[in-house]
């Protein structure tokens, strides 16, 4: 009898761990959400679902270089930033945009700006997607918006189905086994193109103009970047081709010593309002 009770209690505890909401799990375990890597993506998701009572000039999305210029945790007079991280993938950018427009149909932004460094467009689902994509964009909520390509890539992530278990979602755990790369890589990945097309369609549906703009680029990476830009201009879809032509024209090269790594500006050299300074 004692063994039966012990097994039953153990089973109930295991079930509780699976169904327990992440917020409760955080309280029970003292999990510190502030220390979760990629916190900026979760902030962006939360803001994308928040109804605003004001008209804004710009809705900003982007990768980590865009986030460095316009942190998603900050408040702006005439803008909202959902910029976050490259690992969120272009699908994540689309989900954020869709959330925001659906939530704020009465207060649509005057324009949408996507801020990316040139190397972001080659991003496809990799091992980082387990933590930076599947956790902030739960499968049970966003799977209906997956393309077949995205779903096939997600299924290649080891233990992808565990990412939304509450006791994992509140941690930095990521499987260590690498995700197989696409057989043919491009500077504009299949995934990025698919969801850029969806972003284009969504913006047209809501009647909000959008532009894709580059963040600052290191001078010593010019040769590599020029090659990337040429590939971006080779896209066949006329709508995306037009946006890429505009994107290429916004690329600006800054002194390499102004960067603390390959793509991110040092804090001392981040302009107060990059978009205003470069228009």
C-alpha atoms as a PDB file:
ATOM      1  CA  UNK A   1       0.000   0.000   0.000  1.00  0.00           C
ATOM      2  CA  UNK A   2       2.782   2.402   0.910  1.00  0.00           C
ATOM      3  CA  UNK A   3       4.486   1.663  -2.406  1.00  0.00           C
ATOM      4  CA  UNK A   4       1.257   2.376  -4.285  1.00  0.00           C
ATOM      5  CA  UNK A   5       0.842   5.712  -2.482  1.00  0.00           C
ATOM      6  CA  UNK A   6       4.455   6.666  -3.161  1.00  0.00           C
ATOM      7  CA  UNK A   7       4.146   5.853  -6.872  1.00  0.00           C
ATOM      8  CA  UNK A   8       0.847   7.758  -7.090  1.00  0.00           C
ATOM      9  CA  UNK A   9       2.298  10.828  -5.389  1.00  0.00           C
ATOM     10  CA  UNK A  10       5.359  10.708  -7.643  1.00  0.00           C
ATOM     11  CA  UNK A  11       3.117  10.452 -10.705  1.00  0.00           C
ATOM     12  CA  UNK A  12       0.964  13.386  -9.557  1.00  0.00           C
ATOM     13  CA  UNK A  13       4.076  15.468  -8.912  1.00  0.00           C
ATOM     14  CA  UNK A  14       5.379  14.714 -12.413  1.00  0.00           C
ATOM     15  CA  UNK A  15       2.031  15.693 -13.947  1.00  0.00           C
ATOM     16  CA  UNK A  16       2.010  18.875 -11.885  1.00  0.00           C
ATOM     17  CA  UNK A  17       5.422  19.860 -13.233  1.00  0.00           C
ATOM     18  CA  UNK A  18       4.136  19.473 -16.788  1.00  0.00           C
ATOM     19  CA  UNK A  19       0.891  21.433 -16.406  1.00  0.00           C
ATOM     20  CA  UNK A  20       2.069  24.038 -13.891  1.00  0.00           C
ATOM     21  CA  UNK A  21       1.982  27.543 -15.425  1.00  0.00           C
ATOM     22  CA  UNK A  22       5.473  29.075 -15.793  1.00  0.00           C
ATOM     23  CA  UNK A  23       4.513  31.995 -13.523  1.00  0.00           C
ATOM     24  CA  UNK A  24       3.636  29.617 -10.684  1.00  0.00           C
ATOM     25  CA  UNK A  25       6.723  27.532 -11.319  1.00  0.00           C
ATOM     26  CA  UNK A  26       8.837  30.676 -11.011  1.00  0.00           C
ATOM     27  CA  UNK A  27       7.358  31.379  -7.568  1.00  0.00           C
ATOM     28  CA  UNK A  28       7.691  27.790  -6.378  1.00  0.00           C
ATOM     29  CA  UNK A  29      11.292  27.381  -7.517  1.00  0.00           C
ATOM     30  CA  UNK A  30      12.537  30.963  -7.115  1.00  0.00           C
ATOM     31  CA  UNK A  31      13.434  30.907 -10.824  1.00  0.00           C
ATOM     32  CA  UNK A  32      14.727  34.348 -11.789  1.00  0.00           C
ATOM     33  CA  UNK A  33      13.131  35.353 -15.089  1.00  0.00           C
ATOM     34  CA  UNK A  34      15.404  38.396 -15.178  1.00  0.00           C
ATOM     35  CA  UNK A  35      18.404  36.126 -15.759  1.00  0.00           C
ATOM     36  CA  UNK A  36      16.922  34.193 -18.661  1.00  0.00           C
ATOM     37  CA  UNK A  37      19.019  34.618 -21.784  1.00  0.00           C
ATOM     38  CA  UNK A  38      17.165  36.301 -24.623  1.00  0.00           C
ATOM     39  CA  UNK A  39      14.905  38.110 -22.178  1.00  0.00           C
ATOM     40  CA  UNK A  40      14.476  40.840 -24.810  1.00  0.00           C
ATOM     41  CA  UNK A  41      12.445  38.440 -26.973  1.00  0.00           C
ATOM     42  CA  UNK A  42      10.021  37.713 -24.146  1.00  0.00           C
ATOM     43  CA  UNK A  43       9.667  41.426 -23.496  1.00  0.00           C
ATOM     44  CA  UNK A  44       8.933  41.964 -27.195  1.00  0.00           C
ATOM     45  CA  UNK A  45       6.291  39.207 -27.183  1.00  0.00           C
ATOM     46  CA  UNK A  46       4.598  40.763 -24.161  1.00  0.00           C
ATOM     47  CA  UNK A  47       4.632  44.251 -25.728  1.00  0.00           C
ATOM     48  CA  UNK A  48       3.340  42.899 -29.030  1.00  0.00           C
ATOM     49  CA  UNK A  49       0.191  41.719 -27.234  1.00  0.00           C
ATOM     50  CA  UNK A  50      -0.301  44.937 -25.271  1.00  0.00           C
ATOM     51  CA  UNK A  51      -3.020  47.311 -26.414  1.00  0.00           C
ATOM     52  CA  UNK A  52      -1.875  50.913 -26.807  1.00  0.00           C
ATOM     53  CA  UNK A  53      -4.101  53.959 -26.440  1.00  0.00           C
ATOM     54  CA  UNK A  54      -1.928  56.250 -28.554  1.00  0.00           C
ATOM     55  CA  UNK A  55      -0.946  56.699 -32.152  1.00  0.00           C
ATOM     56  CA  UNK A  56       2.703  56.032 -32.821  1.00  0.00           C
ATOM     57  CA  UNK A  57       4.907  57.068 -35.700  1.00  0.00           C
ATOM     58  CA  UNK A  58       7.001  53.906 -35.911  1.00  0.00           C
ATOM     59  CA  UNK A  59       6.773  50.275 -34.962  1.00  0.00           C
ATOM     60  CA  UNK A  60      10.345  48.956 -34.888  1.00  0.00           C
ATOM     61  CA  UNK A  61      11.299  45.298 -35.254  1.00  0.00           C
ATOM     62  CA  UNK A  62      14.783  43.890 -35.643  1.00  0.00           C
ATOM     63  CA  UNK A  63      17.657  41.678 -34.573  1.00  0.00           C
ATOM     64  CA  UNK A  64      20.080  42.307 -31.698  1.00  0.00           C
ATOM     65  CA  UNK A  65      21.788  45.149 -33.599  1.00  0.00           C
ATOM     66  CA  UNK A  66      18.389  46.796 -33.940  1.00  0.00           C
ATOM     67  CA  UNK A  67      17.718  46.080 -30.274  1.00  0.00           C
ATOM     68  CA  UNK A  68      20.993  47.799 -29.351  1.00  0.00           C
ATOM     69  CA  UNK A  69      19.724  50.944 -31.098  1.00  0.00           C
ATOM     70  CA  UNK A  70      16.160  50.662 -29.792  1.00  0.00           C
ATOM     71  CA  UNK A  71      15.916  48.352 -26.756  1.00  0.00           C
ATOM     72  CA  UNK A  72      12.490  46.741 -26.508  1.00  0.00           C
ATOM     73  CA  UNK A  73      12.331  47.453 -22.764  1.00  0.00           C
ATOM     74  CA  UNK A  74      12.535  51.211 -23.349  1.00  0.00           C
ATOM     75  CA  UNK A  75       9.634  53.635 -23.812  1.00  0.00           C
ATOM     76  CA  UNK A  76       9.701  56.101 -26.719  1.00  0.00           C
ATOM     77  CA  UNK A  77       7.651  59.226 -27.383  1.00  0.00           C
ATOM     78  CA  UNK A  78       6.434  58.276 -30.858  1.00  0.00           C
ATOM     79  CA  UNK A  79       7.588  54.685 -31.341  1.00  0.00           C
ATOM     80  CA  UNK A  80       7.308  51.160 -29.993  1.00  0.00           C
ATOM     81  CA  UNK A  81      10.267  48.815 -30.295  1.00  0.00           C
ATOM     82  CA  UNK A  82       9.843  45.055 -30.580  1.00  0.00           C
ATOM     83  CA  UNK A  83      13.453  44.614 -31.725  1.00  0.00           C
ATOM     84  CA  UNK A  84      15.004  41.569 -30.128  1.00  0.00           C
ATOM     85  CA  UNK A  85      17.403  38.952 -31.507  1.00  0.00           C
ATOM     86  CA  UNK A  86      18.408  37.219 -34.742  1.00  0.00           C
ATOM     87  CA  UNK A  87      17.751  33.812 -33.185  1.00  0.00           C
ATOM     88  CA  UNK A  88      14.045  34.665 -33.027  1.00  0.00           C
ATOM     89  CA  UNK A  89      14.215  34.104 -36.821  1.00  0.00           C
ATOM     90  CA  UNK A  90      12.218  36.000 -39.432  1.00  0.00           C
ATOM     91  CA  UNK A  91       9.235  33.887 -38.409  1.00  0.00           C
ATOM     92  CA  UNK A  92       9.462  35.364 -34.921  1.00  0.00           C
ATOM     93  CA  UNK A  93       9.552  38.868 -36.405  1.00  0.00           C
ATOM     94  CA  UNK A  94       6.377  38.054 -38.321  1.00  0.00           C
ATOM     95  CA  UNK A  95       4.643  36.688 -35.207  1.00  0.00           C
ATOM     96  CA  UNK A  96       5.525  39.871 -33.277  1.00  0.00           C
ATOM     97  CA  UNK A  97       4.205  42.087 -36.056  1.00  0.00           C
ATOM     98  CA  UNK A  98       0.997  40.073 -36.400  1.00  0.00           C
ATOM     99  CA  UNK A  99       0.400  40.177 -32.649  1.00  0.00           C
ATOM    100  CA  UNK A 100       0.848  43.932 -32.536  1.00  0.00           C
ATOM    101  CA  UNK A 101      -1.322  44.781 -35.550  1.00  0.00           C
ATOM    102  CA  UNK A 102      -4.130  42.458 -34.444  1.00  0.00           C
ATOM    103  CA  UNK A 103      -4.043  43.916 -30.933  1.00  0.00           C
ATOM    104  CA  UNK A 104      -3.918  47.542 -32.041  1.00  0.00           C
ATOM    105  CA  UNK A 105      -6.198  47.773 -35.056  1.00  0.00           C
ATOM    106  CA  UNK A 106      -7.574  51.085 -33.760  1.00  0.00           C
ATOM    107  CA  UNK A 107      -4.102  52.600 -33.286  1.00  0.00           C
ATOM    108  CA  UNK A 108      -1.986  51.326 -36.134  1.00  0.00           C
ATOM    109  CA  UNK A 109       1.531  52.738 -36.504  1.00  0.00           C
ATOM    110  CA  UNK A 110       2.221  55.238 -39.289  1.00  0.00           C
ATOM    111  CA  UNK A 111       5.034  52.988 -40.512  1.00  0.00           C
ATOM    112  CA  UNK A 112       6.848  49.750 -39.757  1.00  0.00           C
ATOM    113  CA  UNK A 113      10.647  49.622 -39.773  1.00  0.00           C
ATOM    114  CA  UNK A 114      12.651  46.372 -39.793  1.00  0.00           C
ATOM    115  CA  UNK A 115      16.223  46.921 -38.571  1.00  0.00           C
ATOM    116  CA  UNK A 116      18.702  44.188 -39.486  1.00  0.00           C
ATOM    117  CA  UNK A 117      22.413  43.777 -40.005  1.00  0.00           C
ATOM    118  CA  UNK A 118      23.060  42.208 -43.462  1.00  0.00           C
ATOM    119  CA  UNK A 119      24.045  38.818 -42.066  1.00  0.00           C
ATOM    120  CA  UNK A 120      20.682  38.297 -40.367  1.00  0.00           C
ATOM    121  CA  UNK A 121      18.871  37.290 -43.547  1.00  0.00           C
ATOM    122  CA  UNK A 122      20.747  33.975 -43.808  1.00  0.00           C
ATOM    123  CA  UNK A 123      19.351  32.859 -40.467  1.00  0.00           C
ATOM    124  CA  UNK A 124      17.513  29.577 -40.484  1.00  0.00           C
ATOM    125  CA  UNK A 125      16.413  27.407 -37.584  1.00  0.00           C
ATOM    126  CA  UNK A 126      19.460  26.262 -35.619  1.00  0.00           C
ATOM    127  CA  UNK A 127      20.040  24.931 -32.106  1.00  0.00           C
ATOM    128  CA  UNK A 128      19.509  28.434 -30.654  1.00  0.00           C
ATOM    129  CA  UNK A 129      15.895  28.298 -31.852  1.00  0.00           C
ATOM    130  CA  UNK A 130      15.055  25.899 -29.025  1.00  0.00           C
ATOM    131  CA  UNK A 131      15.564  28.661 -26.453  1.00  0.00           C
ATOM    132  CA  UNK A 132      15.138  31.840 -28.488  1.00  0.00           C
ATOM    133  CA  UNK A 133      12.219  30.775 -30.683  1.00  0.00           C
ATOM    134  CA  UNK A 134      10.275  27.819 -29.292  1.00  0.00           C
ATOM    135  CA  UNK A 135      10.155  29.113 -25.709  1.00  0.00           C
ATOM    136  CA  UNK A 136       8.921  32.671 -26.392  1.00  0.00           C
ATOM    137  CA  UNK A 137       6.728  31.522 -29.304  1.00  0.00           C
ATOM    138  CA  UNK A 138       5.077  28.345 -27.955  1.00  0.00           C
ATOM    139  CA  UNK A 139       4.296  25.629 -30.453  1.00  0.00           C
ATOM    140  CA  UNK A 140       0.718  25.282 -29.193  1.00  0.00           C
ATOM    141  CA  UNK A 141       0.064  28.988 -29.908  1.00  0.00           C
ATOM    142  CA  UNK A 142       1.944  29.605 -33.162  1.00  0.00           C
ATOM    143  CA  UNK A 143       2.046  26.278 -34.996  1.00  0.00           C
ATOM    144  CA  UNK A 144      -0.925  27.299 -37.175  1.00  0.00           C
ATOM    145  CA  UNK A 145       1.281  30.060 -38.607  1.00  0.00           C
ATOM    146  CA  UNK A 146       4.143  27.708 -39.491  1.00  0.00           C
ATOM    147  CA  UNK A 147       5.096  27.082 -43.086  1.00  0.00           C
ATOM    148  CA  UNK A 148       5.901  23.433 -43.941  1.00  0.00           C
ATOM    149  CA  UNK A 149       9.571  24.420 -44.187  1.00  0.00           C
ATOM    150  CA  UNK A 150       9.584  25.959 -40.713  1.00  0.00           C
ATOM    151  CA  UNK A 151       7.842  22.959 -39.190  1.00  0.00           C
ATOM    152  CA  UNK A 152      10.314  20.549 -40.790  1.00  0.00           C
ATOM    153  CA  UNK A 153      13.195  22.580 -39.383  1.00  0.00           C
ATOM    154  CA  UNK A 154      11.625  22.766 -35.931  1.00  0.00           C
ATOM    155  CA  UNK A 155      11.212  18.975 -35.876  1.00  0.00           C
ATOM    156  CA  UNK A 156      14.944  18.659 -36.512  1.00  0.00           C
ATOM    157  CA  UNK A 157      15.669  20.279 -33.125  1.00  0.00           C
ATOM    158  CA  UNK A 158      16.438  17.609 -30.529  1.00  0.00           C
ATOM    159  CA  UNK A 159      13.597  17.336 -27.997  1.00  0.00           C
ATOM    160  CA  UNK A 160      11.825  20.332 -29.561  1.00  0.00           C
ATOM    161  CA  UNK A 161       8.561  19.219 -27.950  1.00  0.00           C
ATOM    162  CA  UNK A 162       9.974  19.790 -24.451  1.00  0.00           C
ATOM    163  CA  UNK A 163      10.668  23.520 -24.911  1.00  0.00           C
ATOM    164  CA  UNK A 164       7.294  24.618 -23.556  1.00  0.00           C
ATOM    165  CA  UNK A 165       7.271  22.443 -20.462  1.00  0.00           C
ATOM    166  CA  UNK A 166       7.003  24.975 -17.614  1.00  0.00           C
ATOM    167  CA  UNK A 167      10.061  23.715 -15.729  1.00  0.00           C
ATOM    168  CA  UNK A 168      12.157  24.135 -18.903  1.00  0.00           C
ATOM    169  CA  UNK A 169      10.607  27.353 -20.195  1.00  0.00           C
ATOM    170  CA  UNK A 170      11.823  29.250 -17.132  1.00  0.00           C
ATOM    171  CA  UNK A 171      15.433  28.074 -17.560  1.00  0.00           C
ATOM    172  CA  UNK A 172      18.257  28.606 -20.058  1.00  0.00           C
ATOM    173  CA  UNK A 173      18.365  24.922 -20.971  1.00  0.00           C
ATOM    174  CA  UNK A 174      19.094  24.135 -24.633  1.00  0.00           C
ATOM    175  CA  UNK A 175      19.995  20.725 -26.128  1.00  0.00           C
ATOM    176  CA  UNK A 176      23.657  20.479 -27.041  1.00  0.00           C
ATOM    177  CA  UNK A 177      23.204  18.379 -30.174  1.00  0.00           C
ATOM    178  CA  UNK A 178      23.470  20.523 -33.312  1.00  0.00           C
ATOM    179  CA  UNK A 179      20.589  20.941 -35.745  1.00  0.00           C
ATOM    180  CA  UNK A 180      21.475  19.763 -39.270  1.00  0.00           C
ATOM    181  CA  UNK A 181      22.117  22.724 -41.563  1.00  0.00           C
ATOM    182  CA  UNK A 182      20.154  23.224 -44.746  1.00  0.00           C
ATOM    183  CA  UNK A 183      21.764  21.474 -47.694  1.00  0.00           C
ATOM    184  CA  UNK A 184      21.920  24.708 -49.670  1.00  0.00           C
ATOM    185  CA  UNK A 185      22.614  27.817 -47.606  1.00  0.00           C
ATOM    186  CA  UNK A 186      22.046  31.293 -48.939  1.00  0.00           C
ATOM    187  CA  UNK A 187      22.507  34.848 -47.682  1.00  0.00           C
ATOM    188  CA  UNK A 188      18.709  34.976 -47.909  1.00  0.00           C
ATOM    189  CA  UNK A 189      17.465  31.738 -46.363  1.00  0.00           C
ATOM    190  CA  UNK A 190      14.291  29.951 -47.381  1.00  0.00           C
ATOM    191  CA  UNK A 191      12.835  30.735 -43.968  1.00  0.00           C
ATOM    192  CA  UNK A 192      13.678  34.448 -44.143  1.00  0.00           C
ATOM    193  CA  UNK A 193      12.179  34.811 -47.607  1.00  0.00           C
ATOM    194  CA  UNK A 194       8.997  32.942 -46.648  1.00  0.00           C
ATOM    195  CA  UNK A 195       8.348  35.191 -43.681  1.00  0.00           C
ATOM    196  CA  UNK A 196       9.427  38.400 -45.391  1.00  0.00           C
ATOM    197  CA  UNK A 197       6.684  37.604 -47.902  1.00  0.00           C
ATOM    198  CA  UNK A 198       4.258  37.130 -45.020  1.00  0.00           C
ATOM    199  CA  UNK A 199       5.373  40.421 -43.462  1.00  0.00           C
ATOM    200  CA  UNK A 200       4.871  42.139 -46.823  1.00  0.00           C
ATOM    201  CA  UNK A 201       1.375  40.672 -47.157  1.00  0.00           C
ATOM    202  CA  UNK A 202       0.440  41.539 -43.560  1.00  0.00           C
ATOM    203  CA  UNK A 203       1.596  45.156 -43.894  1.00  0.00           C
ATOM    204  CA  UNK A 204      -0.441  45.519 -47.099  1.00  0.00           C
ATOM    205  CA  UNK A 205      -3.465  43.939 -45.437  1.00  0.00           C
ATOM    206  CA  UNK A 206      -3.413  46.569 -42.689  1.00  0.00           C
ATOM    207  CA  UNK A 207      -2.418  49.384 -45.033  1.00  0.00           C
ATOM    208  CA  UNK A 208       0.739  50.239 -43.105  1.00  0.00           C
ATOM    209  CA  UNK A 209       3.871  51.063 -45.136  1.00  0.00           C
ATOM    210  CA  UNK A 210       7.057  49.276 -44.126  1.00  0.00           C
ATOM    211  CA  UNK A 211      10.753  49.513 -44.873  1.00  0.00           C
ATOM    212  CA  UNK A 212      13.762  47.335 -44.189  1.00  0.00           C
ATOM    213  CA  UNK A 213      16.806  49.281 -43.014  1.00  0.00           C
ATOM    214  CA  UNK A 214      20.363  48.295 -42.198  1.00  0.00           C
ATOM    215  CA  UNK A 215      22.035  48.867 -38.878  1.00  0.00           C
ATOM    216  CA  UNK A 216      25.633  50.235 -38.899  1.00  0.00           C
ATOM    217  CA  UNK A 217      28.271  47.967 -40.448  1.00  0.00           C
ATOM    218  CA  UNK A 218      32.022  47.732 -39.728  1.00  0.00           C
ATOM    219  CA  UNK A 219      34.283  49.253 -42.374  1.00  0.00           C
ATOM    220  CA  UNK A 220      36.572  46.218 -42.397  1.00  0.00           C
ATOM    221  CA  UNK A 221      33.656  43.921 -43.312  1.00  0.00           C
ATOM    222  CA  UNK A 222      32.770  45.835 -46.483  1.00  0.00           C
ATOM    223  CA  UNK A 223      33.900  43.156 -48.960  1.00  0.00           C
ATOM    224  CA  UNK A 224      31.911  40.426 -47.200  1.00  0.00           C
ATOM    225  CA  UNK A 225      28.862  42.633 -46.810  1.00  0.00           C
ATOM    226  CA  UNK A 226      28.896  43.714 -50.466  1.00  0.00           C
ATOM    227  CA  UNK A 227      28.703  40.041 -51.431  1.00  0.00           C
ATOM    228  CA  UNK A 228      25.727  39.536 -49.109  1.00  0.00           C
ATOM    229  CA  UNK A 229      23.955  42.582 -50.513  1.00  0.00           C
ATOM    230  CA  UNK A 230      24.357  41.299 -54.048  1.00  0.00           C
ATOM    231  CA  UNK A 231      22.644  38.054 -53.061  1.00  0.00           C
ATOM    232  CA  UNK A 232      19.800  39.973 -51.421  1.00  0.00           C
ATOM    233  CA  UNK A 233      19.214  41.867 -54.668  1.00  0.00           C
ATOM    234  CA  UNK A 234      18.876  38.603 -56.597  1.00  0.00           C
ATOM    235  CA  UNK A 235      15.523  37.753 -55.000  1.00  0.00           C
ATOM    236  CA  UNK A 236      12.884  37.158 -57.659  1.00  0.00           C
ATOM    237  CA  UNK A 237       9.728  38.345 -55.869  1.00  0.00           C
ATOM    238  CA  UNK A 238       9.142  41.951 -57.065  1.00  0.00           C
ATOM    239  CA  UNK A 239       7.809  43.240 -53.734  1.00  0.00           C
ATOM    240  CA  UNK A 240      10.742  41.902 -51.726  1.00  0.00           C
ATOM    241  CA  UNK A 241      13.200  42.929 -54.446  1.00  0.00           C
ATOM    242  CA  UNK A 242      11.966  46.512 -54.140  1.00  0.00           C
ATOM    243  CA  UNK A 243      12.428  46.421 -50.366  1.00  0.00           C
ATOM    244  CA  UNK A 244      15.915  44.961 -50.732  1.00  0.00           C
ATOM    245  CA  UNK A 245      16.907  47.733 -53.134  1.00  0.00           C
ATOM    246  CA  UNK A 246      15.853  50.202 -50.487  1.00  0.00           C
ATOM    247  CA  UNK A 247      17.678  48.217 -47.801  1.00  0.00           C
ATOM    248  CA  UNK A 248      20.970  48.215 -49.712  1.00  0.00           C
ATOM    249  CA  UNK A 249      20.818  51.991 -49.985  1.00  0.00           C
ATOM    250  CA  UNK A 250      20.656  52.337 -46.189  1.00  0.00           C
ATOM    251  CA  UNK A 251      23.883  50.426 -45.460  1.00  0.00           C
ATOM    252  CA  UNK A 252      26.399  52.730 -43.769  1.00  0.00           C
ATOM    253  CA  UNK A 253      29.953  51.800 -42.811  1.00  0.00           C
ATOM    254  CA  UNK A 254      31.274  52.994 -39.463  1.00  0.00           C
ATOM    255  CA  UNK A 255      34.874  52.882 -38.156  1.00  0.00           C
ATOM    256  CA  UNK A 256      35.643  49.315 -37.093  1.00  0.00           C
ATOM    257  CA  UNK A 257      36.999  50.460 -33.726  1.00  0.00           C
ATOM    258  CA  UNK A 258      33.496  51.674 -32.852  1.00  0.00           C
ATOM    259  CA  UNK A 259      32.298  48.059 -32.576  1.00  0.00           C
ATOM    260  CA  UNK A 260      32.857  45.673 -29.671  1.00  0.00           C
ATOM    261  CA  UNK A 261      32.317  42.622 -31.899  1.00  0.00           C
ATOM    262  CA  UNK A 262      31.589  41.832 -35.548  1.00  0.00           C
ATOM    263  CA  UNK A 263      28.235  43.599 -35.707  1.00  0.00           C
ATOM    264  CA  UNK A 264      27.401  45.476 -32.492  1.00  0.00           C
ATOM    265  CA  UNK A 265      28.331  49.087 -31.836  1.00  0.00           C
ATOM    266  CA  UNK A 266      30.025  49.896 -28.552  1.00  0.00           C
ATOM    267  CA  UNK A 267      27.642  51.711 -26.196  1.00  0.00           C
ATOM    268  CA  UNK A 268      29.658  54.945 -26.498  1.00  0.00           C
ATOM    269  CA  UNK A 269      28.978  55.067 -30.233  1.00  0.00           C
ATOM    270  CA  UNK A 270      25.280  54.232 -30.288  1.00  0.00           C
ATOM    271  CA  UNK A 271      23.378  57.268 -31.628  1.00  0.00           C
ATOM    272  CA  UNK A 272      20.482  58.632 -29.584  1.00  0.00           C
ATOM    273  CA  UNK A 273      18.036  58.150 -32.483  1.00  0.00           C
ATOM    274  CA  UNK A 274      19.606  56.244 -35.369  1.00  0.00           C
ATOM    275  CA  UNK A 275      16.604  56.347 -37.672  1.00  0.00           C
ATOM    276  CA  UNK A 276      16.256  60.130 -37.349  1.00  0.00           C
ATOM    277  CA  UNK A 277      19.991  60.641 -37.842  1.00  0.00           C
ATOM    278  CA  UNK A 278      20.107  58.585 -41.041  1.00  0.00           C
ATOM    279  CA  UNK A 279      16.908  59.693 -42.786  1.00  0.00           C
END
